[in-house]
Amino acid sequence: MNRKARIEQALTGALTPMHLEVTDESHMHNVPAGAESHFKVLVVSDAFAGDKRIGRHRRVNALLREELDGGMHALAIHAWTPDEWFEKGGGRAPESPQCMGGAKTQG
C-alpha cells in the first residue's frame, strides 16, 4: 500500500470524514521521483466541531505520526467542519504555493 492510501485509511478510520482529499505534491519539490514526501490533506469532518485549528492539526498529525516518522517530509493540513468547507473553500481544497527551495525554483 502506498503512502497516500495509508493516509486515507488512517484519516477515514478515525475521523469518518464527509469528504477527504489526499494529494501527493512531491512532484512540486526537489525530491527524487516516487519520493512520496510532500502531501496536502483536506479532511472535512463533524469530528472537528468545537476544536480550534491547532487542535485539529494536532489530531491529524497524531493520526499520521507513523508516516511523519517514516519519511514524509511535509504535510499541509486543511481540517474543516462541513460548514467551513463550503464557507472557506466552496467545496475545494486551497492551492498549495510553489516550492521555495531546491532546483524547482531555479530557472
PDB file of N, CA and C in Angstrom:
ATOM      1  N   MET A   1       0.858  -1.171   0.000  1.00  0.00           N
ATOM      2  CA  MET A   1       0.000   0.000   0.000  1.00  0.00           C
ATOM      3  C   MET A   1       0.907   1.239   0.000  1.00  0.00           C
ATOM      4  N   ASN A   2       0.617   2.220  -0.857  1.00  0.00           N
ATOM      5  CA  ASN A   2       1.438   3.413  -0.906  1.00  0.00           C
ATOM      6  C   ASN A   2       1.050   4.385   0.214  1.00  0.00           C
ATOM      7  N   ARG A   3       1.857   5.432   0.372  1.00  0.00           N
ATOM      8  CA  ARG A   3       1.652   6.379   1.470  1.00  0.00           C
ATOM      9  C   ARG A   3       0.300   7.074   1.366  1.00  0.00           C
ATOM     10  N   LYS A   4      -0.115   7.466   0.177  1.00  0.00           N
ATOM     11  CA  LYS A   4      -1.410   8.130   0.015  1.00  0.00           C
ATOM     12  C   LYS A   4      -2.541   7.244   0.538  1.00  0.00           C
ATOM     13  N   ALA A   5      -2.522   5.982   0.189  1.00  0.00           N
ATOM     14  CA  ALA A   5      -3.560   5.048   0.638  1.00  0.00           C
ATOM     15  C   ALA A   5      -3.526   4.871   2.156  1.00  0.00           C
ATOM     16  N   ARG A   6      -2.323   4.828   2.730  1.00  0.00           N
ATOM     17  CA  ARG A   6      -2.218   4.694   4.196  1.00  0.00           C
ATOM     18  C   ARG A   6      -2.758   5.934   4.903  1.00  0.00           C
ATOM     19  N   ILE A   7      -2.493   7.107   4.350  1.00  0.00           N
ATOM     20  CA  ILE A   7      -3.022   8.346   4.929  1.00  0.00           C
ATOM     21  C   ILE A   7      -4.550   8.330   4.864  1.00  0.00           C
ATOM     22  N   GLU A   8      -5.084   7.982   3.706  1.00  0.00           N
ATOM     23  CA  GLU A   8      -6.539   7.915   3.545  1.00  0.00           C
ATOM     24  C   GLU A   8      -7.158   6.940   4.536  1.00  0.00           C
ATOM     25  N   GLN A   9      -6.537   5.792   4.697  1.00  0.00           N
ATOM     26  CA  GLN A   9      -7.054   4.769   5.615  1.00  0.00           C
ATOM     27  C   GLN A   9      -7.039   5.270   7.058  1.00  0.00           C
ATOM     28  N   ALA A  10      -5.950   5.881   7.477  1.00  0.00           N
ATOM     29  CA  ALA A  10      -5.840   6.358   8.858  1.00  0.00           C
ATOM     30  C   ALA A  10      -6.864   7.448   9.161  1.00  0.00           C
ATOM     31  N   LEU A  11      -7.017   8.396   8.255  1.00  0.00           N
ATOM     32  CA  LEU A  11      -7.952   9.503   8.495  1.00  0.00           C
ATOM     33  C   LEU A  11      -9.402   9.060   8.397  1.00  0.00           C
ATOM     34  N   THR A  12      -9.699   8.186   7.454  1.00  0.00           N
ATOM     35  CA  THR A  12     -11.059   7.685   7.310  1.00  0.00           C
ATOM     36  C   THR A  12     -11.476   6.881   8.540  1.00  0.00           C
ATOM     37  N   GLY A  13     -10.592   6.023   9.015  1.00  0.00           N
ATOM     38  CA  GLY A  13     -10.911   5.189  10.166  1.00  0.00           C
ATOM     39  C   GLY A  13     -11.148   5.974  11.442  1.00  0.00           C
ATOM     40  N   ALA A  14     -10.415   7.059  11.631  1.00  0.00           N
ATOM     41  CA  ALA A  14     -10.502   7.808  12.882  1.00  0.00           C
ATOM     42  C   ALA A  14     -11.491   8.965  12.850  1.00  0.00           C
ATOM     43  N   LEU A  15     -11.705   9.563  11.687  1.00  0.00           N
ATOM     44  CA  LEU A  15     -12.497  10.798  11.618  1.00  0.00           C
ATOM     45  C   LEU A  15     -13.817  10.673  10.872  1.00  0.00           C
ATOM     46  N   THR A  16     -14.057   9.555  10.210  1.00  0.00           N
ATOM     47  CA  THR A  16     -15.262   9.359   9.414  1.00  0.00           C
ATOM     48  C   THR A  16     -15.606  10.627   8.625  1.00  0.00           C
ATOM     49  N   PRO A  17     -14.717  11.026   7.732  1.00  0.00           N
ATOM     50  CA  PRO A  17     -14.934  12.300   7.044  1.00  0.00           C
ATOM     51  C   PRO A  17     -16.100  12.282   6.062  1.00  0.00           C
ATOM     52  N   MET A  18     -16.724  13.437   5.941  1.00  0.00           N
ATOM     53  CA  MET A  18     -17.737  13.650   4.921  1.00  0.00           C
ATOM     54  C   MET A  18     -17.048  13.772   3.560  1.00  0.00           C
ATOM     55  N   HIS A  19     -15.828  14.318   3.585  1.00  0.00           N
ATOM     56  CA  HIS A  19     -15.039  14.484   2.366  1.00  0.00           C
ATOM     57  C   HIS A  19     -13.567  14.384   2.747  1.00  0.00           C
ATOM     58  N   LEU A  20     -12.779  13.728   1.893  1.00  0.00           N
ATOM     59  CA  LEU A  20     -11.347  13.592   2.130  1.00  0.00           C
ATOM     60  C   LEU A  20     -10.617  13.671   0.804  1.00  0.00           C
ATOM     61  N   GLU A  21      -9.615  14.545   0.749  1.00  0.00           N
ATOM     62  CA  GLU A  21      -8.721  14.624  -0.399  1.00  0.00           C
ATOM     63  C   GLU A  21      -7.303  14.507   0.124  1.00  0.00           C
ATOM     64  N   VAL A  22      -6.564  13.581  -0.422  1.00  0.00           N
ATOM     65  CA  VAL A  22      -5.147  13.426  -0.093  1.00  0.00           C
ATOM     66  C   VAL A  22      -4.392  13.573  -1.406  1.00  0.00           C
ATOM     67  N   THR A  23      -3.537  14.591  -1.475  1.00  0.00           N
ATOM     68  CA  THR A  23      -2.821  14.898  -2.704  1.00  0.00           C
ATOM     69  C   THR A  23      -1.321  14.768  -2.475  1.00  0.00           C
ATOM     70  N   ASP A  24      -0.687  13.946  -3.296  1.00  0.00           N
ATOM     71  CA  ASP A  24       0.770  13.814  -3.260  1.00  0.00           C
ATOM     72  C   ASP A  24       1.350  14.965  -4.078  1.00  0.00           C
ATOM     73  N   GLU A  25       1.995  15.904  -3.396  1.00  0.00           N
ATOM     74  CA  GLU A  25       2.578  17.065  -4.053  1.00  0.00           C
ATOM     75  C   GLU A  25       4.098  16.963  -4.165  1.00  0.00           C
ATOM     76  N   SER A  26       4.620  15.774  -4.030  1.00  0.00           N
ATOM     77  CA  SER A  26       6.066  15.567  -4.068  1.00  0.00           C
ATOM     78  C   SER A  26       6.672  16.050  -5.376  1.00  0.00           C
ATOM     79  N   HIS A  27       5.945  15.897  -6.479  1.00  0.00           N
ATOM     80  CA  HIS A  27       6.455  16.306  -7.789  1.00  0.00           C
ATOM     81  C   HIS A  27       6.725  17.806  -7.875  1.00  0.00           C
ATOM     82  N   MET A  28       6.170  18.584  -6.941  1.00  0.00           N
ATOM     83  CA  MET A  28       6.362  20.033  -6.933  1.00  0.00           C
ATOM     84  C   MET A  28       7.643  20.438  -6.193  1.00  0.00           C
ATOM     85  N   HIS A  29       8.369  19.468  -5.688  1.00  0.00           N
ATOM     86  CA  HIS A  29       9.531  19.734  -4.842  1.00  0.00           C
ATOM     87  C   HIS A  29      10.770  19.053  -5.399  1.00  0.00           C
ATOM     88  N   ASN A  30      11.907  19.444  -4.891  1.00  0.00           N
ATOM     89  CA  ASN A  30      13.186  18.908  -5.343  1.00  0.00           C
ATOM     90  C   ASN A  30      13.478  17.595  -4.616  1.00  0.00           C
ATOM     91  N   VAL A  31      12.760  16.564  -5.005  1.00  0.00           N
ATOM     92  CA  VAL A  31      12.921  15.233  -4.413  1.00  0.00           C
ATOM     93  C   VAL A  31      12.984  14.208  -5.542  1.00  0.00           C
ATOM     94  N   PRO A  32      13.542  13.044  -5.271  1.00  0.00           N
ATOM     95  CA  PRO A  32      13.583  12.011  -6.312  1.00  0.00           C
ATOM     96  C   PRO A  32      12.176  11.572  -6.727  1.00  0.00           C
ATOM     97  N   ALA A  33      12.043  11.131  -7.953  1.00  0.00           N
ATOM     98  CA  ALA A  33      10.764  10.611  -8.445  1.00  0.00           C
ATOM     99  C   ALA A  33      10.284   9.486  -7.532  1.00  0.00           C
ATOM    100  N   GLY A  34       9.005   9.489  -7.218  1.00  0.00           N
ATOM    101  CA  GLY A  34       8.425   8.452  -6.370  1.00  0.00           C
ATOM    102  C   GLY A  34       8.695   8.629  -4.891  1.00  0.00           C
ATOM    103  N   ALA A  35       9.144   9.807  -4.471  1.00  0.00           N
ATOM    104  CA  ALA A  35       9.546  10.032  -3.080  1.00  0.00           C
ATOM    105  C   ALA A  35       8.390   9.948  -2.076  1.00  0.00           C
ATOM    106  N   GLU A  36       7.180  10.297  -2.477  1.00  0.00           N
ATOM    107  CA  GLU A  36       6.027  10.317  -1.559  1.00  0.00           C
ATOM    108  C   GLU A  36       6.383  11.056  -0.265  1.00  0.00           C
ATOM    109  N   SER A  37       6.875  12.282  -0.414  1.00  0.00           N
ATOM    110  CA  SER A  37       7.393  13.014   0.739  1.00  0.00           C
ATOM    111  C   SER A  37       6.589  14.254   1.119  1.00  0.00           C
ATOM    112  N   HIS A  38       5.795  14.795   0.211  1.00  0.00           N
ATOM    113  CA  HIS A  38       5.052  16.027   0.452  1.00  0.00           C
ATOM    114  C   HIS A  38       3.570  15.795   0.118  1.00  0.00           C
ATOM    115  N   PHE A  39       2.704  16.030   1.104  1.00  0.00           N
ATOM    116  CA  PHE A  39       1.278  15.779   0.909  1.00  0.00           C
ATOM    117  C   PHE A  39       0.437  16.951   1.378  1.00  0.00           C
ATOM    118  N   LYS A  40      -0.732  17.069   0.770  1.00  0.00           N
ATOM    119  CA  LYS A  40      -1.758  18.010   1.208  1.00  0.00           C
ATOM    120  C   LYS A  40      -2.991  17.187   1.546  1.00  0.00           C
ATOM    121  N   VAL A  41      -3.603  17.522   2.674  1.00  0.00           N
ATOM    122  CA  VAL A  41      -4.796  16.814   3.127  1.00  0.00           C
ATOM    123  C   VAL A  41      -5.913  17.822   3.346  1.00  0.00           C
ATOM    124  N   LEU A  42      -7.043  17.555   2.754  1.00  0.00           N
ATOM    125  CA  LEU A  42      -8.282  18.264   3.074  1.00  0.00           C
ATOM    126  C   LEU A  42      -9.201  17.223   3.675  1.00  0.00           C
ATOM    127  N   VAL A  43      -9.511  17.396   4.945  1.00  0.00           N
ATOM    128  CA  VAL A  43     -10.399  16.451   5.617  1.00  0.00           C
ATOM    129  C   VAL A  43     -11.552  17.246   6.224  1.00  0.00           C
ATOM    130  N   VAL A  44     -12.759  16.865   5.838  1.00  0.00           N
ATOM    131  CA  VAL A  44     -13.971  17.541   6.278  1.00  0.00           C
ATOM    132  C   VAL A  44     -14.741  16.567   7.156  1.00  0.00           C
ATOM    133  N   SER A  45     -14.878  16.944   8.436  1.00  0.00           N
ATOM    134  CA  SER A  45     -15.497  16.012   9.374  1.00  0.00           C
ATOM    135  C   SER A  45     -16.209  16.757  10.499  1.00  0.00           C
ATOM    136  N   ASP A  46     -17.328  16.219  10.907  1.00  0.00           N
ATOM    137  CA  ASP A  46     -18.017  16.739  12.088  1.00  0.00           C
ATOM    138  C   ASP A  46     -17.174  16.548  13.346  1.00  0.00           C
ATOM    139  N   ALA A  47     -16.185  15.676  13.299  1.00  0.00           N
ATOM    140  CA  ALA A  47     -15.318  15.423  14.448  1.00  0.00           C
ATOM    141  C   ALA A  47     -14.544  16.674  14.856  1.00  0.00           C
ATOM    142  N   PHE A  48     -14.421  17.659  13.976  1.00  0.00           N
ATOM    143  CA  PHE A  48     -13.676  18.878  14.281  1.00  0.00           C
ATOM    144  C   PHE A  48     -14.530  19.967  14.929  1.00  0.00           C
ATOM    145  N   ALA A  49     -15.830  19.746  15.019  1.00  0.00           N
ATOM    146  CA  ALA A  49     -16.724  20.750  15.600  1.00  0.00           C
ATOM    147  C   ALA A  49     -16.262  21.097  17.014  1.00  0.00           C
ATOM    148  N   GLY A  50     -16.119  22.372  17.276  1.00  0.00           N
ATOM    149  CA  GLY A  50     -15.720  22.843  18.597  1.00  0.00           C
ATOM    150  C   GLY A  50     -14.221  22.878  18.828  1.00  0.00           C
ATOM    151  N   ASP A  51     -13.432  22.298  17.935  1.00  0.00           N
ATOM    152  CA  ASP A  51     -11.975  22.294  18.083  1.00  0.00           C
ATOM    153  C   ASP A  51     -11.378  23.523  17.416  1.00  0.00           C
ATOM    154  N   LYS A  52     -10.340  24.062  18.034  1.00  0.00           N
ATOM    155  CA  LYS A  52      -9.584  25.144  17.406  1.00  0.00           C
ATOM    156  C   LYS A  52      -8.680  24.545  16.340  1.00  0.00           C
ATOM    157  N   ARG A  53      -8.192  25.404  15.473  1.00  0.00           N
ATOM    158  CA  ARG A  53      -7.339  24.951  14.370  1.00  0.00           C
ATOM    159  C   ARG A  53      -6.134  24.148  14.860  1.00  0.00           C
ATOM    160  N   ILE A  54      -5.473  24.602  15.896  1.00  0.00           N
ATOM    161  CA  ILE A  54      -4.295  23.896  16.400  1.00  0.00           C
ATOM    162  C   ILE A  54      -4.650  22.494  16.894  1.00  0.00           C
ATOM    163  N   GLY A  55      -5.800  22.353  17.520  1.00  0.00           N
ATOM    164  CA  GLY A  55      -6.241  21.044  17.987  1.00  0.00           C
ATOM    165  C   GLY A  55      -6.529  20.090  16.835  1.00  0.00           C
ATOM    166  N   ARG A  56      -7.103  20.620  15.779  1.00  0.00           N
ATOM    167  CA  ARG A  56      -7.387  19.811  14.593  1.00  0.00           C
ATOM    168  C   ARG A  56      -6.085  19.326  13.963  1.00  0.00           C
ATOM    169  N   HIS A  57      -5.121  20.247  13.841  1.00  0.00           N
ATOM    170  CA  HIS A  57      -3.837  19.876  13.247  1.00  0.00           C
ATOM    171  C   HIS A  57      -3.101  18.869  14.114  1.00  0.00           C
ATOM    172  N   ARG A  58      -3.160  19.051  15.412  1.00  0.00           N
ATOM    173  CA  ARG A  58      -2.525  18.082  16.307  1.00  0.00           C
ATOM    174  C   ARG A  58      -3.158  16.702  16.163  1.00  0.00           C
ATOM    175  N   ARG A  59      -4.457  16.670  16.026  1.00  0.00           N
ATOM    176  CA  ARG A  59      -5.153  15.385  15.863  1.00  0.00           C
ATOM    177  C   ARG A  59      -4.713  14.688  14.579  1.00  0.00           C
ATOM    178  N   VAL A  60      -4.678  15.432  13.474  1.00  0.00           N
ATOM    179  CA  VAL A  60      -4.258  14.850  12.198  1.00  0.00           C
ATOM    180  C   VAL A  60      -2.795  14.406  12.268  1.00  0.00           C
ATOM    181  N   ASN A  61      -1.942  15.253  12.828  1.00  0.00           N
ATOM    182  CA  ASN A  61      -0.530  14.873  12.972  1.00  0.00           C
ATOM    183  C   ASN A  61      -0.370  13.608  13.812  1.00  0.00           C
ATOM    184  N   ALA A  62      -1.138  13.496  14.882  1.00  0.00           N
ATOM    185  CA  ALA A  62      -1.055  12.299  15.722  1.00  0.00           C
ATOM    186  C   ALA A  62      -1.500  11.053  14.950  1.00  0.00           C
ATOM    187  N   LEU A  63      -2.542  11.195  14.154  1.00  0.00           N
ATOM    188  CA  LEU A  63      -3.030  10.060  13.363  1.00  0.00           C
ATOM    189  C   LEU A  63      -2.016   9.633  12.303  1.00  0.00           C
ATOM    190  N   LEU A  64      -1.193  10.583  11.861  1.00  0.00           N
ATOM    191  CA  LEU A  64      -0.229  10.298  10.799  1.00  0.00           C
ATOM    192  C   LEU A  64       1.204  10.259  11.314  1.00  0.00           C
ATOM    193  N   ARG A  65       1.382  10.115  12.619  1.00  0.00           N
ATOM    194  CA  ARG A  65       2.706  10.111  13.241  1.00  0.00           C
ATOM    195  C   ARG A  65       3.642   9.089  12.596  1.00  0.00           C
ATOM    196  N   GLU A  66       3.147   7.915  12.321  1.00  0.00           N
ATOM    197  CA  GLU A  66       3.983   6.868  11.722  1.00  0.00           C
ATOM    198  C   GLU A  66       4.505   7.300  10.354  1.00  0.00           C
ATOM    199  N   GLU A  67       3.668   7.958   9.577  1.00  0.00           N
ATOM    200  CA  GLU A  67       4.099   8.439   8.259  1.00  0.00           C
ATOM    201  C   GLU A  67       5.129   9.562   8.404  1.00  0.00           C
ATOM    202  N   LEU A  68       4.883  10.469   9.332  1.00  0.00           N
ATOM    203  CA  LEU A  68       5.818  11.575   9.557  1.00  0.00           C
ATOM    204  C   LEU A  68       7.168  11.060  10.048  1.00  0.00           C
ATOM    205  N   ASP A  69       7.143  10.051  10.883  1.00  0.00           N
ATOM    206  CA  ASP A  69       8.386   9.457  11.378  1.00  0.00           C
ATOM    207  C   ASP A  69       9.058   8.581  10.331  1.00  0.00           C
ATOM    208  N   GLY A  70       8.302   8.198   9.291  1.00  0.00           N
ATOM    209  CA  GLY A  70       8.809   7.263   8.297  1.00  0.00           C
ATOM    210  C   GLY A  70       9.145   7.869   6.956  1.00  0.00           C
ATOM    211  N   GLY A  71       9.449   9.163   6.904  1.00  0.00           N
ATOM    212  CA  GLY A  71       9.919   9.739   5.659  1.00  0.00           C
ATOM    213  C   GLY A  71       9.043  10.791   5.011  1.00  0.00           C
ATOM    214  N   MET A  72       7.822  10.983   5.509  1.00  0.00           N
ATOM    215  CA  MET A  72       7.011  12.062   4.962  1.00  0.00           C
ATOM    216  C   MET A  72       7.590  13.373   5.490  1.00  0.00           C
ATOM    217  N   HIS A  73       7.988  14.251   4.584  1.00  0.00           N
ATOM    218  CA  HIS A  73       8.699  15.463   4.952  1.00  0.00           C
ATOM    219  C   HIS A  73       7.770  16.637   5.258  1.00  0.00           C
ATOM    220  N   ALA A  74       6.670  16.736   4.536  1.00  0.00           N
ATOM    221  CA  ALA A  74       5.782  17.886   4.694  1.00  0.00           C
ATOM    222  C   ALA A  74       4.323  17.463   4.559  1.00  0.00           C
ATOM    223  N   LEU A  75       3.483  18.134   5.360  1.00  0.00           N
ATOM    224  CA  LEU A  75       2.059  17.836   5.340  1.00  0.00           C
ATOM    225  C   LEU A  75       1.286  19.138   5.492  1.00  0.00           C
ATOM    226  N   ALA A  76       0.583  19.544   4.452  1.00  0.00           N
ATOM    227  CA  ALA A  76      -0.315  20.699   4.517  1.00  0.00           C
ATOM    228  C   ALA A  76      -1.675  20.170   4.952  1.00  0.00           C
ATOM    229  N   ILE A  77      -2.216  20.750   6.013  1.00  0.00           N
ATOM    230  CA  ILE A  77      -3.462  20.251   6.589  1.00  0.00           C
ATOM    231  C   ILE A  77      -4.552  21.308   6.478  1.00  0.00           C
ATOM    232  N   HIS A  78      -5.679  20.903   5.911  1.00  0.00           N
ATOM    233  CA  HIS A  78      -6.893  21.702   5.897  1.00  0.00           C
ATOM    234  C   HIS A  78      -7.952  20.816   6.555  1.00  0.00           C
ATOM    235  N   ALA A  79      -8.234  21.094   7.823  1.00  0.00           N
ATOM    236  CA  ALA A  79      -9.152  20.276   8.620  1.00  0.00           C
ATOM    237  C   ALA A  79     -10.367  21.128   8.966  1.00  0.00           C
ATOM    238  N   TRP A  80     -11.468  20.868   8.303  1.00  0.00           N
ATOM    239  CA  TRP A  80     -12.649  21.714   8.404  1.00  0.00           C
ATOM    240  C   TRP A  80     -13.892  20.914   8.780  1.00  0.00           C
ATOM    241  N   THR A  81     -14.839  21.624   9.379  1.00  0.00           N
ATOM    242  CA  THR A  81     -16.180  21.060   9.553  1.00  0.00           C
ATOM    243  C   THR A  81     -16.891  21.179   8.206  1.00  0.00           C
ATOM    244  N   PRO A  82     -17.990  20.482   8.015  1.00  0.00           N
ATOM    245  CA  PRO A  82     -18.722  20.619   6.758  1.00  0.00           C
ATOM    246  C   PRO A  82     -19.132  22.067   6.445  1.00  0.00           C
ATOM    247  N   ASP A  83     -19.592  22.810   7.446  1.00  0.00           N
ATOM    248  CA  ASP A  83     -19.978  24.204   7.206  1.00  0.00           C
ATOM    249  C   ASP A  83     -18.785  25.032   6.747  1.00  0.00           C
ATOM    250  N   GLU A  84     -17.637  24.842   7.369  1.00  0.00           N
ATOM    251  CA  GLU A  84     -16.428  25.584   6.986  1.00  0.00           C
ATOM    252  C   GLU A  84     -15.983  25.234   5.572  1.00  0.00           C
ATOM    253  N   TRP A  85     -16.150  23.990   5.208  1.00  0.00           N
ATOM    254  CA  TRP A  85     -15.742  23.543   3.873  1.00  0.00           C
ATOM    255  C   TRP A  85     -16.418  24.383   2.794  1.00  0.00           C
ATOM    256  N   PHE A  86     -17.702  24.580   2.952  1.00  0.00           N
ATOM    257  CA  PHE A  86     -18.430  25.361   1.956  1.00  0.00           C
ATOM    258  C   PHE A  86     -18.176  26.858   2.100  1.00  0.00           C
ATOM    259  N   GLU A  87     -18.017  27.343   3.321  1.00  0.00           N
ATOM    260  CA  GLU A  87     -17.740  28.773   3.537  1.00  0.00           C
ATOM    261  C   GLU A  87     -16.361  29.164   3.017  1.00  0.00           C
ATOM    262  N   LYS A  88     -15.338  28.393   3.373  1.00  0.00           N
ATOM    263  CA  LYS A  88     -13.954  28.752   3.060  1.00  0.00           C
ATOM    264  C   LYS A  88     -13.513  28.316   1.674  1.00  0.00           C
ATOM    265  N   GLY A  89     -13.879  27.123   1.325  1.00  0.00           N
ATOM    266  CA  GLY A  89     -13.316  26.578   0.098  1.00  0.00           C
ATOM    267  C   GLY A  89     -14.295  26.372  -1.021  1.00  0.00           C
ATOM    268  N   GLY A  90     -15.549  26.629  -0.763  1.00  0.00           N
ATOM    269  CA  GLY A  90     -16.525  26.391  -1.813  1.00  0.00           C
ATOM    270  C   GLY A  90     -16.523  24.949  -2.286  1.00  0.00           C
ATOM    271  N   GLY A  91     -16.122  24.027  -1.384  1.00  0.00           N
ATOM    272  CA  GLY A  91     -16.082  22.621  -1.745  1.00  0.00           C
ATOM    273  C   GLY A  91     -14.781  22.199  -2.405  1.00  0.00           C
ATOM    274  N   ARG A  92     -13.728  23.037  -2.304  1.00  0.00           N
ATOM    275  CA  ARG A  92     -12.434  22.712  -2.919  1.00  0.00           C
ATOM    276  C   ARG A  92     -11.304  22.967  -1.936  1.00  0.00           C
ATOM    277  N   ALA A  93     -10.225  22.220  -2.075  1.00  0.00           N
ATOM    278  CA  ALA A  93      -9.024  22.439  -1.270  1.00  0.00           C
ATOM    279  C   ALA A  93      -8.274  23.644  -1.812  1.00  0.00           C
ATOM    280  N   PRO A  94      -7.663  24.446  -0.937  1.00  0.00           N
ATOM    281  CA  PRO A  94      -6.848  25.569  -1.399  1.00  0.00           C
ATOM    282  C   PRO A  94      -5.644  25.089  -2.210  1.00  0.00           C
ATOM    283  N   GLU A  95      -5.197  25.915  -3.136  1.00  0.00           N
ATOM    284  CA  GLU A  95      -3.999  25.600  -3.914  1.00  0.00           C
ATOM    285  C   GLU A  95      -2.772  25.728  -3.024  1.00  0.00           C
ATOM    286  N   SER A  96      -1.787  24.891  -3.244  1.00  0.00           N
ATOM    287  CA  SER A  96      -0.533  24.963  -2.500  1.00  0.00           C
ATOM    288  C   SER A  96       0.423  25.918  -3.198  1.00  0.00           C
ATOM    289  N   PRO A  97       1.240  26.640  -2.413  1.00  0.00           N
ATOM    290  CA  PRO A  97       2.223  27.527  -3.029  1.00  0.00           C
ATOM    291  C   PRO A  97       3.333  26.727  -3.694  1.00  0.00           C
ATOM    292  N   GLN A  98       4.066  27.377  -4.577  1.00  0.00           N
ATOM    293  CA  GLN A  98       5.209  26.740  -5.218  1.00  0.00           C
ATOM    294  C   GLN A  98       6.307  26.512  -4.195  1.00  0.00           C
ATOM    295  N   CYS A  99       7.075  25.468  -4.392  1.00  0.00           N
ATOM    296  CA  CYS A  99       8.206  25.147  -3.530  1.00  0.00           C
ATOM    297  C   CYS A  99       9.230  26.277  -3.615  1.00  0.00           C
ATOM    298  N   MET A 100       9.771  26.695  -2.483  1.00  0.00           N
ATOM    299  CA  MET A 100      10.734  27.787  -2.447  1.00  0.00           C
ATOM    300  C   MET A 100      12.175  27.308  -2.388  1.00  0.00           C
ATOM    301  N   GLY A 101      12.393  26.011  -2.352  1.00  0.00           N
ATOM    302  CA  GLY A 101      13.764  25.525  -2.219  1.00  0.00           C
ATOM    303  C   GLY A 101      14.152  24.560  -3.317  1.00  0.00           C
ATOM    304  N   GLY A 102      15.426  24.335  -3.449  1.00  0.00           N
ATOM    305  CA  GLY A 102      15.922  23.346  -4.377  1.00  0.00           C
ATOM    306  C   GLY A 102      15.825  23.773  -5.826  1.00  0.00           C
ATOM    307  N   ALA A 103      16.048  22.831  -6.708  1.00  0.00           N
ATOM    308  CA  ALA A 103      16.141  23.081  -8.142  1.00  0.00           C
ATOM    309  C   ALA A 103      14.816  23.489  -8.779  1.00  0.00           C
ATOM    310  N   LYS A 104      13.704  23.252  -8.141  1.00  0.00           N
ATOM    311  CA  LYS A 104      12.405  23.583  -8.750  1.00  0.00           C
ATOM    312  C   LYS A 104      12.226  25.087  -8.935  1.00  0.00           C
ATOM    313  N   THR A 105      12.964  25.920  -8.179  1.00  0.00           N
ATOM    314  CA  THR A 105      12.835  27.362  -8.330  1.00  0.00           C
ATOM    315  C   THR A 105      13.944  27.949  -9.178  1.00  0.00           C
ATOM    316  N   GLN A 106      14.871  27.133  -9.584  1.00  0.00           N
ATOM    317  CA  GLN A 106      15.970  27.607 -10.440  1.00  0.00           C
ATOM    318  C   GLN A 106      15.462  27.723 -11.870  1.00  0.00           C
ATOM    319  N   GLY A 107      15.866  28.709 -12.570  1.00  0.00           N
ATOM    320  CA  GLY A 107      15.358  28.764 -13.926  1.00  0.00           C
ATOM    321  C   GLY A 107      16.115  29.624 -14.762  1.00  0.00           C
TER     322      GLY A 107
END
